[in-house]
Amino acid sequence: AELLMVGKHINANDLTVIVAGDLNDVAWSHTTRMFQRISGLL
């Protein structure tokens, strides 16, 4: 939920942004990949 809340905020505000940290999730998980799609981040 925390990842997706941030992702939705980024998407809604069309921000130039960096997201960093220990997300306690792997890059290839369903949630992380959905976070990328929701946020539009690379």
ModelCIF file with pLDDT and N, C-alpha, C, O atoms, coordinates in Angstrom:
data_MODEL
#
_entry.id   MODEL 
#
_entity.id                         1 
_entity.type                       polymer 
_entity.pdbx_number_of_molecules   1 
#
_entity_poly.entity_id                      1 
_entity_poly.type                           'polypeptide(L)' 
_entity_poly.nstd_linkage                   no 
_entity_poly.nstd_monomer                   no 
_entity_poly.pdbx_seq_one_letter_code       AELLMVGKHINANDLTVIVAGDLNDVAWSHTTRMFQRISGLL 
_entity_poly.pdbx_seq_one_letter_code_can   AELLMVGKHINANDLTVIVAGDLNDVAWSHTTRMFQRISGLL 
_entity_poly.pdbx_strand_id                 A 
#
loop_
_entity_poly_seq.entity_id 
_entity_poly_seq.num 
_entity_poly_seq.mon_id 
_entity_poly_seq.hetero 
1 1  ALA n 
1 2  GLU n 
1 3  LEU n 
1 4  LEU n 
1 5  MET n 
1 6  VAL n 
1 7  GLY n 
1 8  LYS n 
1 9  HIS n 
1 10 ILE n 
1 11 ASN n 
1 12 ALA n 
1 13 ASN n 
1 14 ASP n 
1 15 LEU n 
1 16 THR n 
1 17 VAL n 
1 18 ILE n 
1 19 VAL n 
1 20 ALA n 
1 21 GLY n 
1 22 ASP n 
1 23 LEU n 
1 24 ASN n 
1 25 ASP n 
1 26 VAL n 
1 27 ALA n 
1 28 TRP n 
1 29 SER n 
1 30 HIS n 
1 31 THR n 
1 32 THR n 
1 33 ARG n 
1 34 MET n 
1 35 PHE n 
1 36 GLN n 
1 37 ARG n 
1 38 ILE n 
1 39 SER n 
1 40 GLY n 
1 41 LEU n 
1 42 LEU n 
#
_struct_asym.id          A 
_struct_asym.entity_id   1 
#
loop_
_ma_qa_metric.id 
_ma_qa_metric.mode 
_ma_qa_metric.name 
_ma_qa_metric.software_group_id 
_ma_qa_metric.type 
1 global pLDDT . pLDDT 
2 local  pLDDT . pLDDT 
#
_ma_qa_metric_global.metric_id      1 
_ma_qa_metric_global.metric_value   96.14 
_ma_qa_metric_global.model_id       1 
_ma_qa_metric_global.ordinal_id     1 
#
loop_
_ma_qa_metric_local.label_asym_id 
_ma_qa_metric_local.label_comp_id 
_ma_qa_metric_local.label_seq_id 
_ma_qa_metric_local.metric_id 
_ma_qa_metric_local.metric_value 
_ma_qa_metric_local.model_id 
_ma_qa_metric_local.ordinal_id 
A ALA 1  2 97.00 1 1  
A GLU 2  2 97.00 1 2  
A LEU 3  2 97.00 1 3  
A LEU 4  2 97.00 1 4  
A MET 5  2 97.00 1 5  
A VAL 6  2 97.00 1 6  
A GLY 7  2 97.00 1 7  
A LYS 8  2 96.00 1 8  
A HIS 9  2 96.00 1 9  
A ILE 10 2 96.00 1 10 
A ASN 11 2 93.00 1 11 
A ALA 12 2 93.00 1 12 
A ASN 13 2 93.00 1 13 
A ASP 14 2 89.00 1 14 
A LEU 15 2 91.00 1 15 
A THR 16 2 96.00 1 16 
A VAL 17 2 98.00 1 17 
A ILE 18 2 98.00 1 18 
A VAL 19 2 98.00 1 19 
A ALA 20 2 98.00 1 20 
A GLY 21 2 98.00 1 21 
A ASP 22 2 97.00 1 22 
A LEU 23 2 97.00 1 23 
A ASN 24 2 96.00 1 24 
A ASP 25 2 95.00 1 25 
A VAL 26 2 96.00 1 26 
A ALA 27 2 94.00 1 27 
A TRP 28 2 95.00 1 28 
A SER 29 2 95.00 1 29 
A HIS 30 2 95.00 1 30 
A THR 31 2 95.00 1 31 
A THR 32 2 97.00 1 32 
A ARG 33 2 97.00 1 33 
A MET 34 2 97.00 1 34 
A PHE 35 2 98.00 1 35 
A GLN 36 2 98.00 1 36 
A ARG 37 2 97.00 1 37 
A ILE 38 2 97.00 1 38 
A SER 39 2 97.00 1 39 
A GLY 40 2 97.00 1 40 
A LEU 41 2 98.00 1 41 
A LEU 42 2 98.00 1 42 
#
loop_
_atom_site.group_PDB 
_atom_site.id 
_atom_site.type_symbol 
_atom_site.label_atom_id 
_atom_site.label_alt_id 
_atom_site.label_comp_id 
_atom_site.label_asym_id 
_atom_site.label_entity_id 
_atom_site.label_seq_id 
_atom_site.pdbx_PDB_ins_code 
_atom_site.Cartn_x 
_atom_site.Cartn_y 
_atom_site.Cartn_z 
_atom_site.occupancy 
_atom_site.B_iso_or_equiv 
_atom_site.pdbx_formal_charge 
_atom_site.auth_seq_id 
_atom_site.auth_comp_id 
_atom_site.auth_asym_id 
_atom_site.auth_atom_id 
_atom_site.pdbx_PDB_model_num 
ATOM 1   N N  . ALA A 1 1  ? 0.828  -1.208 0.000   1.00 97.00 ? 1  ALA A N  1 
ATOM 2   C CA . ALA A 1 1  ? 0.000  0.000  0.000   1.00 97.00 ? 1  ALA A CA 1 
ATOM 3   C C  . ALA A 1 1  ? 0.864  1.261  0.000   1.00 97.00 ? 1  ALA A C  1 
ATOM 4   O O  . ALA A 1 1  ? 0.561  2.223  -0.705  1.00 97.00 ? 1  ALA A O  1 
ATOM 5   N N  . GLU A 1 2  ? 1.938  1.256  0.789   1.00 97.00 ? 2  GLU A N  1 
ATOM 6   C CA . GLU A 1 2  ? 2.805  2.435  0.837   1.00 97.00 ? 2  GLU A CA 1 
ATOM 7   C C  . GLU A 1 2  ? 3.433  2.715  -0.528  1.00 97.00 ? 2  GLU A C  1 
ATOM 8   O O  . GLU A 1 2  ? 3.465  3.862  -0.974  1.00 97.00 ? 2  GLU A O  1 
ATOM 9   N N  . LEU A 1 3  ? 3.931  1.673  -1.187  1.00 97.00 ? 3  LEU A N  1 
ATOM 10  C CA . LEU A 1 3  ? 4.521  1.850  -2.514  1.00 97.00 ? 3  LEU A CA 1 
ATOM 11  C C  . LEU A 1 3  ? 3.490  2.385  -3.502  1.00 97.00 ? 3  LEU A C  1 
ATOM 12  O O  . LEU A 1 3  ? 3.779  3.298  -4.276  1.00 97.00 ? 3  LEU A O  1 
ATOM 13  N N  . LEU A 1 4  ? 2.302  1.821  -3.472  1.00 97.00 ? 4  LEU A N  1 
ATOM 14  C CA . LEU A 1 4  ? 1.288  2.208  -4.451  1.00 97.00 ? 4  LEU A CA 1 
ATOM 15  C C  . LEU A 1 4  ? 0.716  3.593  -4.159  1.00 97.00 ? 4  LEU A C  1 
ATOM 16  O O  . LEU A 1 4  ? 0.338  4.309  -5.086  1.00 97.00 ? 4  LEU A O  1 
ATOM 17  N N  . MET A 1 5  ? 0.646  3.982  -2.881  1.00 97.00 ? 5  MET A N  1 
ATOM 18  C CA . MET A 1 5  ? 0.215  5.346  -2.554  1.00 97.00 ? 5  MET A CA 1 
ATOM 19  C C  . MET A 1 5  ? 1.181  6.368  -3.139  1.00 97.00 ? 5  MET A C  1 
ATOM 20  O O  . MET A 1 5  ? 0.761  7.368  -3.721  1.00 97.00 ? 5  MET A O  1 
ATOM 21  N N  . VAL A 1 6  ? 2.463  6.113  -2.982  1.00 97.00 ? 6  VAL A N  1 
ATOM 22  C CA . VAL A 1 6  ? 3.473  7.009  -3.548  1.00 97.00 ? 6  VAL A CA 1 
ATOM 23  C C  . VAL A 1 6  ? 3.392  6.991  -5.075  1.00 97.00 ? 6  VAL A C  1 
ATOM 24  O O  . VAL A 1 6  ? 3.475  8.036  -5.720  1.00 97.00 ? 6  VAL A O  1 
ATOM 25  N N  . GLY A 1 7  ? 3.230  5.802  -5.641  1.00 97.00 ? 7  GLY A N  1 
ATOM 26  C CA . GLY A 1 7  ? 3.128  5.692  -7.086  1.00 97.00 ? 7  GLY A CA 1 
ATOM 27  C C  . GLY A 1 7  ? 1.950  6.469  -7.652  1.00 97.00 ? 7  GLY A C  1 
ATOM 28  O O  . GLY A 1 7  ? 2.086  7.147  -8.670  1.00 97.00 ? 7  GLY A O  1 
ATOM 29  N N  . LYS A 1 8  ? 0.797  6.376  -7.003  1.00 96.00 ? 8  LYS A N  1 
ATOM 30  C CA . LYS A 1 8  ? -0.385 7.099  -7.476  1.00 96.00 ? 8  LYS A CA 1 
ATOM 31  C C  . LYS A 1 8  ? -0.182 8.610  -7.355  1.00 96.00 ? 8  LYS A C  1 
ATOM 32  O O  . LYS A 1 8  ? -0.612 9.367  -8.225  1.00 96.00 ? 8  LYS A O  1 
ATOM 33  N N  . HIS A 1 9  ? 0.473  9.047  -6.279  1.00 96.00 ? 9  HIS A N  1 
ATOM 34  C CA . HIS A 1 9  ? 0.731  10.481 -6.099  1.00 96.00 ? 9  HIS A CA 1 
ATOM 35  C C  . HIS A 1 9  ? 1.650  11.004 -7.206  1.00 96.00 ? 9  HIS A C  1 
ATOM 36  O O  . HIS A 1 9  ? 1.419  12.084 -7.749  1.00 96.00 ? 9  HIS A O  1 
ATOM 37  N N  . ILE A 1 10 ? 2.681  10.244 -7.534  1.00 96.00 ? 10 ILE A N  1 
ATOM 38  C CA . ILE A 1 10 ? 3.606  10.645 -8.597  1.00 96.00 ? 10 ILE A CA 1 
ATOM 39  C C  . ILE A 1 10 ? 2.866  10.736 -9.927  1.00 96.00 ? 10 ILE A C  1 
ATOM 40  O O  . ILE A 1 10 ? 3.033  11.696 -10.678 1.00 96.00 ? 10 ILE A O  1 
ATOM 41  N N  . ASN A 1 11 ? 2.053  9.731  -10.205 1.00 93.00 ? 11 ASN A N  1 
ATOM 42  C CA . ASN A 1 11 ? 1.323  9.693  -11.471 1.00 93.00 ? 11 ASN A CA 1 
ATOM 43  C C  . ASN A 1 11 ? 0.337  10.846 -11.593 1.00 93.00 ? 11 ASN A C  1 
ATOM 44  O O  . ASN A 1 11 ? 0.209  11.454 -12.656 1.00 93.00 ? 11 ASN A O  1 
ATOM 45  N N  . ALA A 1 12 ? -0.362 11.143 -10.496 1.00 93.00 ? 12 ALA A N  1 
ATOM 46  C CA . ALA A 1 12 ? -1.388 12.178 -10.530 1.00 93.00 ? 12 ALA A CA 1 
ATOM 47  C C  . ALA A 1 12 ? -0.799 13.566 -10.696 1.00 93.00 ? 12 ALA A C  1 
ATOM 48  O O  . ALA A 1 12 ? -1.456 14.456 -11.236 1.00 93.00 ? 12 ALA A O  1 
ATOM 49  N N  . ASN A 1 13 ? 0.448  13.768 -10.234 1.00 93.00 ? 13 ASN A N  1 
ATOM 50  C CA . ASN A 1 13 ? 1.048  15.098 -10.258 1.00 93.00 ? 13 ASN A CA 1 
ATOM 51  C C  . ASN A 1 13 ? 2.115  15.264 -11.335 1.00 93.00 ? 13 ASN A C  1 
ATOM 52  O O  . ASN A 1 13 ? 2.715  16.332 -11.458 1.00 93.00 ? 13 ASN A O  1 
ATOM 53  N N  . ASP A 1 14 ? 2.353  14.203 -12.121 1.00 89.00 ? 14 ASP A N  1 
ATOM 54  C CA . ASP A 1 14 ? 3.290  14.265 -13.249 1.00 89.00 ? 14 ASP A CA 1 
ATOM 55  C C  . ASP A 1 14 ? 4.626  14.875 -12.824 1.00 89.00 ? 14 ASP A C  1 
ATOM 56  O O  . ASP A 1 14 ? 5.063  15.887 -13.373 1.00 89.00 ? 14 ASP A O  1 
ATOM 57  N N  . LEU A 1 15 ? 5.271  14.240 -11.832 1.00 91.00 ? 15 LEU A N  1 
ATOM 58  C CA . LEU A 1 15 ? 6.463  14.806 -11.213 1.00 91.00 ? 15 LEU A CA 1 
ATOM 59  C C  . LEU A 1 15 ? 7.748  14.308 -11.872 1.00 91.00 ? 15 LEU A C  1 
ATOM 60  O O  . LEU A 1 15 ? 7.795  13.200 -12.407 1.00 91.00 ? 15 LEU A O  1 
ATOM 61  N N  . THR A 1 16 ? 8.783  15.137 -11.827 1.00 96.00 ? 16 THR A N  1 
ATOM 62  C CA . THR A 1 16 ? 10.152 14.696 -12.084 1.00 96.00 ? 16 THR A CA 1 
ATOM 63  C C  . THR A 1 16 ? 10.680 14.190 -10.748 1.00 96.00 ? 16 THR A C  1 
ATOM 64  O O  . THR A 1 16 ? 10.801 14.965 -9.800  1.00 96.00 ? 16 THR A O  1 
ATOM 65  N N  . VAL A 1 17 ? 10.994 12.909 -10.661 1.00 98.00 ? 17 VAL A N  1 
ATOM 66  C CA . VAL A 1 17 ? 11.092 12.302 -9.334  1.00 98.00 ? 17 VAL A CA 1 
ATOM 67  C C  . VAL A 1 17 ? 12.118 11.179 -9.300  1.00 98.00 ? 17 VAL A C  1 
ATOM 68  O O  . VAL A 1 17 ? 12.404 10.523 -10.301 1.00 98.00 ? 17 VAL A O  1 
ATOM 69  N N  . ILE A 1 18 ? 12.659 10.990 -8.096  1.00 98.00 ? 18 ILE A N  1 
ATOM 70  C CA . ILE A 1 18 ? 13.491 9.834  -7.758  1.00 98.00 ? 18 ILE A CA 1 
ATOM 71  C C  . ILE A 1 18 ? 12.884 9.187  -6.517  1.00 98.00 ? 18 ILE A C  1 
ATOM 72  O O  . ILE A 1 18 ? 12.552 9.875  -5.552  1.00 98.00 ? 18 ILE A O  1 
ATOM 73  N N  . VAL A 1 19 ? 12.741 7.877  -6.545  1.00 98.00 ? 19 VAL A N  1 
ATOM 74  C CA . VAL A 1 19 ? 12.288 7.117  -5.381  1.00 98.00 ? 19 VAL A CA 1 
ATOM 75  C C  . VAL A 1 19 ? 13.424 6.187  -4.968  1.00 98.00 ? 19 VAL A C  1 
ATOM 76  O O  . VAL A 1 19 ? 13.943 5.430  -5.788  1.00 98.00 ? 19 VAL A O  1 
ATOM 77  N N  . ALA A 1 20 ? 13.805 6.247  -3.700  1.00 98.00 ? 20 ALA A N  1 
ATOM 78  C CA . ALA A 1 20 ? 14.947 5.456  -3.237  1.00 98.00 ? 20 ALA A CA 1 
ATOM 79  C C  . ALA A 1 20 ? 14.659 4.872  -1.866  1.00 98.00 ? 20 ALA A C  1 
ATOM 80  O O  . ALA A 1 20 ? 13.881 5.423  -1.086  1.00 98.00 ? 20 ALA A O  1 
ATOM 81  N N  . GLY A 1 21 ? 15.303 3.745  -1.587  1.00 98.00 ? 21 GLY A N  1 
ATOM 82  C CA . GLY A 1 21 ? 15.192 3.174  -0.254  1.00 98.00 ? 21 GLY A CA 1 
ATOM 83  C C  . GLY A 1 21 ? 15.259 1.659  -0.263  1.00 98.00 ? 21 GLY A C  1 
ATOM 84  O O  . GLY A 1 21 ? 15.420 1.022  -1.303  1.00 98.00 ? 21 GLY A O  1 
ATOM 85  N N  . ASP A 1 22 ? 15.133 1.112  0.923   1.00 97.00 ? 22 ASP A N  1 
ATOM 86  C CA . ASP A 1 22 ? 15.000 -0.329 1.113   1.00 97.00 ? 22 ASP A CA 1 
ATOM 87  C C  . ASP A 1 22 ? 13.499 -0.615 1.094   1.00 97.00 ? 22 ASP A C  1 
ATOM 88  O O  . ASP A 1 22 ? 12.805 -0.367 2.080   1.00 97.00 ? 22 ASP A O  1 
ATOM 89  N N  . LEU A 1 23 ? 13.005 -1.134 -0.019  1.00 97.00 ? 23 LEU A N  1 
ATOM 90  C CA . LEU A 1 23 ? 11.570 -1.346 -0.169  1.00 97.00 ? 23 LEU A CA 1 
ATOM 91  C C  . LEU A 1 23 ? 11.119 -2.696 0.378   1.00 97.00 ? 23 LEU A C  1 
ATOM 92  O O  . LEU A 1 23 ? 9.931  -3.017 0.333   1.00 97.00 ? 23 LEU A O  1 
ATOM 93  N N  . ASN A 1 24 ? 12.054 -3.484 0.892   1.00 96.00 ? 24 ASN A N  1 
ATOM 94  C CA . ASN A 1 24 ? 11.725 -4.803 1.423   1.00 96.00 ? 24 ASN A CA 1 
ATOM 95  C C  . ASN A 1 24 ? 10.911 -5.623 0.431   1.00 96.00 ? 24 ASN A C  1 
ATOM 96  O O  . ASN A 1 24 ? 10.014 -6.380 0.801   1.00 96.00 ? 24 ASN A O  1 
ATOM 97  N N  . ASP A 1 25 ? 11.248 -5.448 -0.822  1.00 95.00 ? 25 ASP A N  1 
ATOM 98  C CA . ASP A 1 25 ? 10.625 -6.211 -1.898  1.00 95.00 ? 25 ASP A CA 1 
ATOM 99  C C  . ASP A 1 25 ? 11.642 -6.319 -3.023  1.00 95.00 ? 25 ASP A C  1 
ATOM 100 O O  . ASP A 1 25 ? 12.502 -5.452 -3.175  1.00 95.00 ? 25 ASP A O  1 
ATOM 101 N N  . VAL A 1 26 ? 11.545 -7.372 -3.803  1.00 96.00 ? 26 VAL A N  1 
ATOM 102 C CA . VAL A 1 26 ? 12.464 -7.561 -4.915  1.00 96.00 ? 26 VAL A CA 1 
ATOM 103 C C  . VAL A 1 26 ? 11.964 -6.830 -6.153  1.00 96.00 ? 26 VAL A C  1 
ATOM 104 O O  . VAL A 1 26 ? 10.773 -6.548 -6.284  1.00 96.00 ? 26 VAL A O  1 
ATOM 105 N N  . ALA A 1 27 ? 12.884 -6.528 -7.054  1.00 94.00 ? 27 ALA A N  1 
ATOM 106 C CA . ALA A 1 27 ? 12.547 -5.739 -8.236  1.00 94.00 ? 27 ALA A CA 1 
ATOM 107 C C  . ALA A 1 27 ? 11.538 -6.446 -9.131  1.00 94.00 ? 27 ALA A C  1 
ATOM 108 O O  . ALA A 1 27 ? 10.758 -5.792 -9.824  1.00 94.00 ? 27 ALA A O  1 
ATOM 109 N N  . TRP A 1 28 ? 11.548 -7.779 -9.122  1.00 95.00 ? 28 TRP A N  1 
ATOM 110 C CA . TRP A 1 28 ? 10.716 -8.541 -10.062 1.00 95.00 ? 28 TRP A CA 1 
ATOM 111 C C  . TRP A 1 28 ? 9.371  -8.951 -9.472  1.00 95.00 ? 28 TRP A C  1 
ATOM 112 O O  . TRP A 1 28 ? 8.624  -9.676 -10.128 1.00 95.00 ? 28 TRP A O  1 
ATOM 113 N N  . SER A 1 29 ? 9.039  -8.522 -8.278  1.00 95.00 ? 29 SER A N  1 
ATOM 114 C CA . SER A 1 29 ? 7.770  -8.932 -7.682  1.00 95.00 ? 29 SER A CA 1 
ATOM 115 C C  . SER A 1 29 ? 6.591  -8.280 -8.396  1.00 95.00 ? 29 SER A C  1 
ATOM 116 O O  . SER A 1 29 ? 6.743  -7.276 -9.093  1.00 95.00 ? 29 SER A O  1 
ATOM 117 N N  . HIS A 1 30 ? 5.430  -8.864 -8.211  1.00 95.00 ? 30 HIS A N  1 
ATOM 118 C CA . HIS A 1 30 ? 4.203  -8.314 -8.799  1.00 95.00 ? 30 HIS A CA 1 
ATOM 119 C C  . HIS A 1 30 ? 3.962  -6.888 -8.327  1.00 95.00 ? 30 HIS A C  1 
ATOM 120 O O  . HIS A 1 30 ? 3.595  -6.021 -9.119  1.00 95.00 ? 30 HIS A O  1 
ATOM 121 N N  . THR A 1 31 ? 4.169  -6.645 -7.035  1.00 95.00 ? 31 THR A N  1 
ATOM 122 C CA . THR A 1 31 ? 3.907  -5.311 -6.486  1.00 95.00 ? 31 THR A CA 1 
ATOM 123 C C  . THR A 1 31 ? 4.880  -4.276 -7.022  1.00 95.00 ? 31 THR A C  1 
ATOM 124 O O  . THR A 1 31 ? 4.467  -3.176 -7.388  1.00 95.00 ? 31 THR A O  1 
ATOM 125 N N  . THR A 1 32 ? 6.169  -4.607 -7.075  1.00 97.00 ? 32 THR A N  1 
ATOM 126 C CA . THR A 1 32 ? 7.150  -3.635 -7.565  1.00 97.00 ? 32 THR A CA 1 
ATOM 127 C C  . THR A 1 32 ? 6.908  -3.305 -9.028  1.00 97.00 ? 32 THR A C  1 
ATOM 128 O O  . THR A 1 32 ? 7.003  -2.145 -9.429  1.00 97.00 ? 32 THR A O  1 
ATOM 129 N N  . ARG A 1 33 ? 6.597  -4.314 -9.823  1.00 97.00 ? 33 ARG A N  1 
ATOM 130 C CA . ARG A 1 33 ? 6.330  -4.053 -11.238 1.00 97.00 ? 33 ARG A CA 1 
ATOM 131 C C  . ARG A 1 33 ? 5.044  -3.235 -11.408 1.00 97.00 ? 33 ARG A C  1 
ATOM 132 O O  . ARG A 1 33 ? 4.966  -2.387 -12.296 1.00 97.00 ? 33 ARG A O  1 
ATOM 133 N N  . MET A 1 34 ? 4.043  -3.483 -10.568 1.00 97.00 ? 34 MET A N  1 
ATOM 134 C CA . MET A 1 34 ? 2.832  -2.678 -10.640 1.00 97.00 ? 34 MET A CA 1 
ATOM 135 C C  . MET A 1 34 ? 3.108  -1.252 -10.167 1.00 97.00 ? 34 MET A C  1 
ATOM 136 O O  . MET A 1 34 ? 2.563  -0.299 -10.724 1.00 97.00 ? 34 MET A O  1 
ATOM 137 N N  . PHE A 1 35 ? 3.946  -1.100 -9.148  1.00 98.00 ? 35 PHE A N  1 
ATOM 138 C CA . PHE A 1 35 ? 4.360  0.235  -8.704  1.00 98.00 ? 35 PHE A CA 1 
ATOM 139 C C  . PHE A 1 35 ? 4.989  1.008  -9.856  1.00 98.00 ? 35 PHE A C  1 
ATOM 140 O O  . PHE A 1 35 ? 4.720  2.197  -10.028 1.00 98.00 ? 35 PHE A O  1 
ATOM 141 N N  . GLN A 1 36 ? 5.824  0.342  -10.643 1.00 98.00 ? 36 GLN A N  1 
ATOM 142 C CA . GLN A 1 36 ? 6.431  1.012  -11.793 1.00 98.00 ? 36 GLN A CA 1 
ATOM 143 C C  . GLN A 1 36 ? 5.378  1.472  -12.797 1.00 98.00 ? 36 GLN A C  1 
ATOM 144 O O  . GLN A 1 36 ? 5.454  2.581  -13.325 1.00 98.00 ? 36 GLN A O  1 
ATOM 145 N N  . ARG A 1 37 ? 4.404  0.615  -13.053 1.00 97.00 ? 37 ARG A N  1 
ATOM 146 C CA . ARG A 1 37 ? 3.370  0.978  -14.028 1.00 97.00 ? 37 ARG A CA 1 
ATOM 147 C C  . ARG A 1 37 ? 2.483  2.095  -13.503 1.00 97.00 ? 37 ARG A C  1 
ATOM 148 O O  . ARG A 1 37 ? 2.132  3.012  -14.245 1.00 97.00 ? 37 ARG A O  1 
ATOM 149 N N  . ILE A 1 38 ? 2.119  2.022  -12.226 1.00 97.00 ? 38 ILE A N  1 
ATOM 150 C CA . ILE A 1 38 ? 1.256  3.051  -11.642 1.00 97.00 ? 38 ILE A CA 1 
ATOM 151 C C  . ILE A 1 38 ? 1.975  4.395  -11.604 1.00 97.00 ? 38 ILE A C  1 
ATOM 152 O O  . ILE A 1 38 ? 1.379  5.427  -11.912 1.00 97.00 ? 38 ILE A O  1 
ATOM 153 N N  . SER A 1 39 ? 3.246  4.387  -11.230 1.00 97.00 ? 39 SER A N  1 
ATOM 154 C CA . SER A 1 39 ? 4.012  5.634  -11.084 1.00 97.00 ? 39 SER A CA 1 
ATOM 155 C C  . SER A 1 39 ? 4.593  6.129  -12.405 1.00 97.00 ? 39 SER A C  1 
ATOM 156 O O  . SER A 1 39 ? 4.842  7.323  -12.571 1.00 97.00 ? 39 SER A O  1 
ATOM 157 N N  . GLY A 1 40 ? 4.808  5.199  -13.351 1.00 97.00 ? 40 GLY A N  1 
ATOM 158 C CA . GLY A 1 40 ? 5.473  5.556  -14.593 1.00 97.00 ? 40 GLY A CA 1 
ATOM 159 C C  . GLY A 1 40 ? 6.982  5.674  -14.454 1.00 97.00 ? 40 GLY A C  1 
ATOM 160 O O  . GLY A 1 40 ? 7.639  6.239  -15.328 1.00 97.00 ? 40 GLY A O  1 
ATOM 161 N N  . LEU A 1 41 ? 7.543  5.147  -13.365 1.00 98.00 ? 41 LEU A N  1 
ATOM 162 C CA . LEU A 1 41 ? 8.980  5.273  -13.130 1.00 98.00 ? 41 LEU A CA 1 
ATOM 163 C C  . LEU A 1 41 ? 9.765  4.142  -13.798 1.00 98.00 ? 41 LEU A C  1 
ATOM 164 O O  . LEU A 1 41 ? 9.232  3.070  -14.083 1.00 98.00 ? 41 LEU A O  1 
ATOM 165 N N  . LEU A 1 42 ? 11.036 4.418  -14.034 1.00 98.00 ? 42 LEU A N  1 
ATOM 166 C CA . LEU A 1 42 ? 11.926 3.475  -14.700 1.00 98.00 ? 42 LEU A CA 1 
ATOM 167 C C  . LEU A 1 42 ? 12.890 2.845  -13.704 1.00 98.00 ? 42 LEU A C  1 
ATOM 168 O O  . LEU A 1 42 ? 13.720 2.020  -14.085 1.00 98.00 ? 42 LEU A O  1 
#
